[in-house]
């Protein structure tokens, strides 16, 4: 597909527009690991942690590793924190067919 004349780029807003997330999945993961509701979101999307990933300064893998590291004191165990973040990371959301 070529861009129409005069257009140099396209910008797509994917998350929360095209791809939707089911918050109940996060709540279920938090319950499974004995976490307070909202813990994963608060840790993962802390501005100092998420900002560099959002801006492309660190990789997605590095961001998720930093989330797991930050979850260790909350989970009380390295393995539990890694497993929790792995379960959280396995979610892929779903595409809104109307937007697509």
N, C-alpha and C. Protein backbone atom coordinates (compact mmCIF):
# COMPACT_ATOMS: atom_id res chain seq x y z
N UNK A 1 0.84 -1.17 0.00
CA UNK A 1 0.00 0.00 0.00
C UNK A 1 0.89 1.23 0.00
N UNK A 2 0.67 2.11 -0.89
CA UNK A 2 1.45 3.35 -0.91
C UNK A 2 0.62 4.47 -0.29
N UNK A 3 1.33 5.40 0.33
CA UNK A 3 0.66 6.52 0.98
C UNK A 3 0.15 7.50 -0.06
N UNK A 4 -1.01 8.10 0.21
CA UNK A 4 -1.49 9.14 -0.69
C UNK A 4 -0.48 10.28 -0.79
N UNK A 5 -0.46 10.95 -1.92
CA UNK A 5 0.49 12.04 -2.14
C UNK A 5 0.39 13.07 -1.01
N UNK A 6 1.54 13.44 -0.48
CA UNK A 6 1.61 14.44 0.57
C UNK A 6 1.57 13.86 1.98
N UNK A 7 1.29 12.55 2.11
CA UNK A 7 1.26 11.93 3.43
C UNK A 7 2.56 11.16 3.61
N UNK A 8 3.30 11.51 4.66
CA UNK A 8 4.60 10.88 4.90
C UNK A 8 4.53 9.72 5.87
N UNK A 9 3.46 9.68 6.68
CA UNK A 9 3.38 8.62 7.69
C UNK A 9 1.94 8.41 8.11
N UNK A 10 1.68 7.24 8.65
CA UNK A 10 0.40 6.93 9.27
C UNK A 10 0.65 6.67 10.74
N UNK A 11 -0.26 7.10 11.59
CA UNK A 11 -0.16 6.87 13.02
C UNK A 11 -1.39 6.07 13.44
N UNK A 12 -1.16 4.94 14.09
CA UNK A 12 -2.25 4.09 14.53
C UNK A 12 -2.26 4.02 16.05
N UNK A 13 -3.41 4.22 16.65
CA UNK A 13 -3.57 4.05 18.09
C UNK A 13 -4.13 2.65 18.28
N UNK A 14 -3.29 1.76 18.76
CA UNK A 14 -3.65 0.35 18.83
C UNK A 14 -4.32 0.02 20.16
N UNK A 15 -3.60 0.16 21.26
CA UNK A 15 -4.10 -0.30 22.55
C UNK A 15 -5.22 0.59 23.07
N UNK A 16 -6.33 -0.05 23.38
CA UNK A 16 -7.49 0.66 23.88
C UNK A 16 -8.37 1.20 22.77
N UNK A 17 -7.94 1.05 21.54
CA UNK A 17 -8.73 1.49 20.39
C UNK A 17 -8.98 0.28 19.48
N UNK A 18 -7.93 -0.22 18.86
CA UNK A 18 -8.06 -1.39 18.00
C UNK A 18 -7.99 -2.68 18.83
N UNK A 19 -7.04 -2.72 19.75
CA UNK A 19 -6.89 -3.89 20.62
C UNK A 19 -7.45 -3.53 21.99
N UNK A 20 -8.38 -4.35 22.47
CA UNK A 20 -9.02 -4.12 23.75
C UNK A 20 -8.56 -5.16 24.77
N UNK A 21 -8.53 -4.75 26.02
CA UNK A 21 -8.05 -5.62 27.09
C UNK A 21 -9.19 -5.91 28.07
N UNK A 22 -9.23 -7.13 28.54
CA UNK A 22 -10.22 -7.56 29.53
C UNK A 22 -9.60 -7.45 30.91
N UNK A 23 -10.01 -6.44 31.67
CA UNK A 23 -9.45 -6.21 33.00
C UNK A 23 -9.69 -7.35 33.96
N UNK A 24 -10.73 -8.14 33.72
CA UNK A 24 -11.00 -9.26 34.63
C UNK A 24 -9.89 -10.30 34.58
N UNK A 25 -9.17 -10.37 33.47
CA UNK A 25 -8.04 -11.30 33.37
C UNK A 25 -6.93 -10.90 34.34
N UNK A 26 -6.66 -9.61 34.42
CA UNK A 26 -5.63 -9.12 35.34
C UNK A 26 -6.07 -9.37 36.78
N UNK A 27 -7.33 -9.10 37.06
CA UNK A 27 -7.85 -9.33 38.41
C UNK A 27 -7.72 -10.81 38.79
N UNK A 28 -7.99 -11.70 37.85
CA UNK A 28 -7.88 -13.14 38.12
C UNK A 28 -6.43 -13.53 38.41
N UNK A 29 -5.50 -12.96 37.68
CA UNK A 29 -4.07 -13.24 37.91
C UNK A 29 -3.67 -12.71 39.29
N UNK A 30 -4.11 -11.52 39.61
CA UNK A 30 -3.79 -10.96 40.93
C UNK A 30 -4.35 -11.84 42.05
N UNK A 31 -5.58 -12.31 41.90
CA UNK A 31 -6.16 -13.21 42.91
C UNK A 31 -5.35 -14.49 43.03
N UNK A 32 -4.97 -15.05 41.87
CA UNK A 32 -4.19 -16.29 41.84
C UNK A 32 -2.89 -16.16 42.63
N UNK A 33 -2.26 -14.99 42.56
CA UNK A 33 -0.98 -14.77 43.23
C UNK A 33 -1.13 -14.04 44.57
N UNK A 34 -2.36 -13.89 45.04
CA UNK A 34 -2.59 -13.28 46.34
C UNK A 34 -2.27 -11.81 46.42
N UNK A 35 -2.45 -11.10 45.30
CA UNK A 35 -2.14 -9.67 45.24
C UNK A 35 -3.39 -8.83 45.41
N UNK A 36 -3.21 -7.64 45.93
CA UNK A 36 -4.30 -6.68 46.02
C UNK A 36 -4.71 -6.27 44.61
N UNK A 37 -6.00 -6.03 44.38
CA UNK A 37 -6.44 -5.57 43.06
C UNK A 37 -5.71 -4.28 42.65
N UNK A 38 -5.28 -4.23 41.42
CA UNK A 38 -4.60 -3.06 40.89
C UNK A 38 -3.09 -3.08 41.05
N UNK A 39 -2.55 -4.09 41.73
CA UNK A 39 -1.11 -4.14 41.99
C UNK A 39 -0.31 -4.23 40.70
N UNK A 40 -0.67 -5.16 39.82
CA UNK A 40 0.11 -5.33 38.58
C UNK A 40 0.09 -4.07 37.73
N UNK A 41 -1.07 -3.47 37.60
CA UNK A 41 -1.18 -2.26 36.80
C UNK A 41 -0.34 -1.14 37.40
N UNK A 42 -0.42 -0.97 38.71
CA UNK A 42 0.35 0.09 39.37
C UNK A 42 1.85 -0.11 39.19
N UNK A 43 2.31 -1.34 39.34
CA UNK A 43 3.74 -1.62 39.20
C UNK A 43 4.18 -1.49 37.75
N UNK A 44 3.45 -2.12 36.85
CA UNK A 44 3.86 -2.15 35.43
C UNK A 44 3.84 -0.77 34.79
N UNK A 45 2.83 0.02 35.13
CA UNK A 45 2.66 1.30 34.45
C UNK A 45 3.13 2.49 35.27
N UNK A 46 3.94 2.22 36.28
CA UNK A 46 4.62 3.30 36.99
C UNK A 46 5.39 4.12 35.95
N UNK A 47 5.27 5.42 36.00
CA UNK A 47 5.85 6.27 34.95
C UNK A 47 7.34 6.05 34.76
N UNK A 48 8.08 5.87 35.85
CA UNK A 48 9.53 5.67 35.72
C UNK A 48 9.87 4.32 35.08
N UNK A 49 8.99 3.35 35.23
CA UNK A 49 9.23 2.02 34.67
C UNK A 49 8.71 1.94 33.24
N UNK A 50 7.48 2.41 33.02
CA UNK A 50 6.85 2.25 31.72
C UNK A 50 7.31 3.31 30.70
N UNK A 51 7.62 4.50 31.19
CA UNK A 51 8.01 5.58 30.28
C UNK A 51 9.11 5.21 29.31
N UNK A 52 10.22 4.63 29.77
CA UNK A 52 11.29 4.25 28.85
C UNK A 52 10.84 3.22 27.80
N UNK A 53 9.95 2.32 28.19
CA UNK A 53 9.45 1.33 27.23
C UNK A 53 8.55 2.00 26.20
N UNK A 54 7.69 2.88 26.68
CA UNK A 54 6.78 3.59 25.79
C UNK A 54 7.54 4.42 24.76
N UNK A 55 8.65 4.98 25.18
CA UNK A 55 9.46 5.83 24.29
C UNK A 55 10.49 5.05 23.48
N UNK A 56 10.52 3.72 23.65
CA UNK A 56 11.45 2.90 22.88
C UNK A 56 12.88 2.93 23.39
N UNK A 57 13.08 3.40 24.61
CA UNK A 57 14.43 3.46 25.17
C UNK A 57 14.88 2.11 25.72
N UNK A 58 13.89 1.27 26.07
CA UNK A 58 14.18 -0.11 26.47
C UNK A 58 13.22 -1.02 25.72
N UNK A 59 13.58 -2.28 25.62
CA UNK A 59 12.73 -3.24 24.91
C UNK A 59 11.55 -3.65 25.77
N UNK A 60 10.56 -4.23 25.13
CA UNK A 60 9.41 -4.78 25.85
C UNK A 60 9.89 -5.84 26.83
N UNK A 61 10.82 -6.67 26.40
CA UNK A 61 11.36 -7.72 27.27
C UNK A 61 12.03 -7.11 28.50
N UNK A 62 12.79 -6.05 28.32
CA UNK A 62 13.44 -5.39 29.46
C UNK A 62 12.41 -4.76 30.40
N UNK A 63 11.36 -4.18 29.82
CA UNK A 63 10.31 -3.60 30.64
C UNK A 63 9.65 -4.67 31.50
N UNK A 64 9.29 -5.78 30.88
CA UNK A 64 8.62 -6.86 31.62
C UNK A 64 9.56 -7.45 32.69
N UNK A 65 10.84 -7.53 32.40
CA UNK A 65 11.81 -7.99 33.39
C UNK A 65 11.87 -7.02 34.57
N UNK A 66 11.77 -5.72 34.29
CA UNK A 66 11.79 -4.74 35.37
C UNK A 66 10.50 -4.82 36.20
N UNK A 67 9.39 -5.17 35.56
CA UNK A 67 8.14 -5.37 36.29
C UNK A 67 8.30 -6.56 37.22
N UNK A 68 8.85 -7.65 36.71
CA UNK A 68 9.06 -8.84 37.55
C UNK A 68 9.98 -8.52 38.72
N UNK A 69 11.04 -7.78 38.48
CA UNK A 69 11.97 -7.42 39.55
C UNK A 69 11.27 -6.57 40.62
N UNK A 70 10.42 -5.66 40.18
CA UNK A 70 9.69 -4.82 41.13
C UNK A 70 8.63 -5.61 41.88
N UNK A 71 8.18 -6.72 41.31
CA UNK A 71 7.16 -7.55 41.96
C UNK A 71 7.74 -8.48 43.02
N UNK A 72 9.06 -8.69 43.02
CA UNK A 72 9.67 -9.64 43.97
C UNK A 72 9.32 -9.29 45.42
N UNK A 73 9.52 -8.05 45.88
CA UNK A 73 9.18 -7.76 47.27
C UNK A 73 7.68 -7.90 47.56
N UNK A 74 6.86 -7.66 46.57
CA UNK A 74 5.41 -7.76 46.75
C UNK A 74 4.98 -9.22 46.81
N UNK A 75 5.55 -10.03 45.92
CA UNK A 75 5.21 -11.46 45.86
C UNK A 75 5.93 -12.26 46.95
N UNK A 76 7.09 -11.75 47.38
CA UNK A 76 7.85 -12.42 48.42
C UNK A 76 8.75 -13.52 47.92
N UNK A 77 8.84 -13.67 46.60
CA UNK A 77 9.62 -14.77 46.03
C UNK A 77 9.92 -14.46 44.57
N UNK A 78 11.16 -14.67 44.16
CA UNK A 78 11.56 -14.38 42.78
C UNK A 78 10.76 -15.21 41.78
N UNK A 79 10.66 -16.51 42.03
CA UNK A 79 9.95 -17.39 41.11
C UNK A 79 8.49 -17.02 40.98
N UNK A 80 7.86 -16.68 42.09
CA UNK A 80 6.45 -16.29 42.08
C UNK A 80 6.27 -15.00 41.29
N UNK A 81 7.18 -14.05 41.46
CA UNK A 81 7.09 -12.78 40.73
C UNK A 81 7.26 -13.01 39.23
N UNK A 82 8.22 -13.84 38.86
CA UNK A 82 8.45 -14.14 37.44
C UNK A 82 7.23 -14.84 36.85
N UNK A 83 6.69 -15.82 37.56
CA UNK A 83 5.51 -16.53 37.07
C UNK A 83 4.31 -15.61 36.93
N UNK A 84 4.13 -14.73 37.90
CA UNK A 84 3.02 -13.78 37.86
C UNK A 84 3.11 -12.88 36.63
N UNK A 85 4.28 -12.34 36.38
CA UNK A 85 4.46 -11.45 35.23
C UNK A 85 4.35 -12.25 33.92
N UNK A 86 4.81 -13.48 33.92
CA UNK A 86 4.66 -14.33 32.72
C UNK A 86 3.18 -14.57 32.42
N UNK A 87 2.39 -14.86 33.45
CA UNK A 87 0.95 -15.06 33.25
C UNK A 87 0.30 -13.77 32.76
N UNK A 88 0.68 -12.66 33.37
CA UNK A 88 0.13 -11.36 32.96
C UNK A 88 0.53 -11.03 31.52
N UNK A 89 1.76 -11.36 31.15
CA UNK A 89 2.26 -11.07 29.81
C UNK A 89 1.64 -11.96 28.73
N UNK A 90 1.09 -13.08 29.13
CA UNK A 90 0.52 -14.02 28.16
C UNK A 90 -0.80 -13.52 27.58
N UNK A 91 -1.40 -12.52 28.19
CA UNK A 91 -2.65 -11.96 27.66
C UNK A 91 -2.33 -11.19 26.37
N UNK A 92 -3.22 -11.28 25.41
CA UNK A 92 -2.98 -10.60 24.14
C UNK A 92 -4.11 -9.65 23.76
N UNK A 93 -5.13 -9.57 24.60
CA UNK A 93 -6.28 -8.71 24.26
C UNK A 93 -7.04 -9.28 23.09
N UNK A 94 -7.98 -8.50 22.60
CA UNK A 94 -8.73 -8.92 21.42
C UNK A 94 -8.98 -7.70 20.52
N UNK A 95 -9.12 -7.98 19.26
CA UNK A 95 -9.31 -6.93 18.26
C UNK A 95 -10.78 -6.54 18.22
N UNK A 96 -11.04 -5.24 18.25
CA UNK A 96 -12.41 -4.74 18.11
C UNK A 96 -12.76 -4.81 16.63
N UNK A 97 -13.68 -5.69 16.25
CA UNK A 97 -13.99 -5.86 14.82
C UNK A 97 -14.57 -4.61 14.16
N UNK A 98 -15.28 -3.79 14.95
CA UNK A 98 -15.85 -2.56 14.37
C UNK A 98 -14.75 -1.57 14.00
N UNK A 99 -13.72 -1.48 14.83
CA UNK A 99 -12.62 -0.57 14.53
C UNK A 99 -11.78 -1.11 13.39
N UNK A 100 -11.55 -2.44 13.42
CA UNK A 100 -10.77 -3.06 12.35
C UNK A 100 -11.41 -2.79 11.00
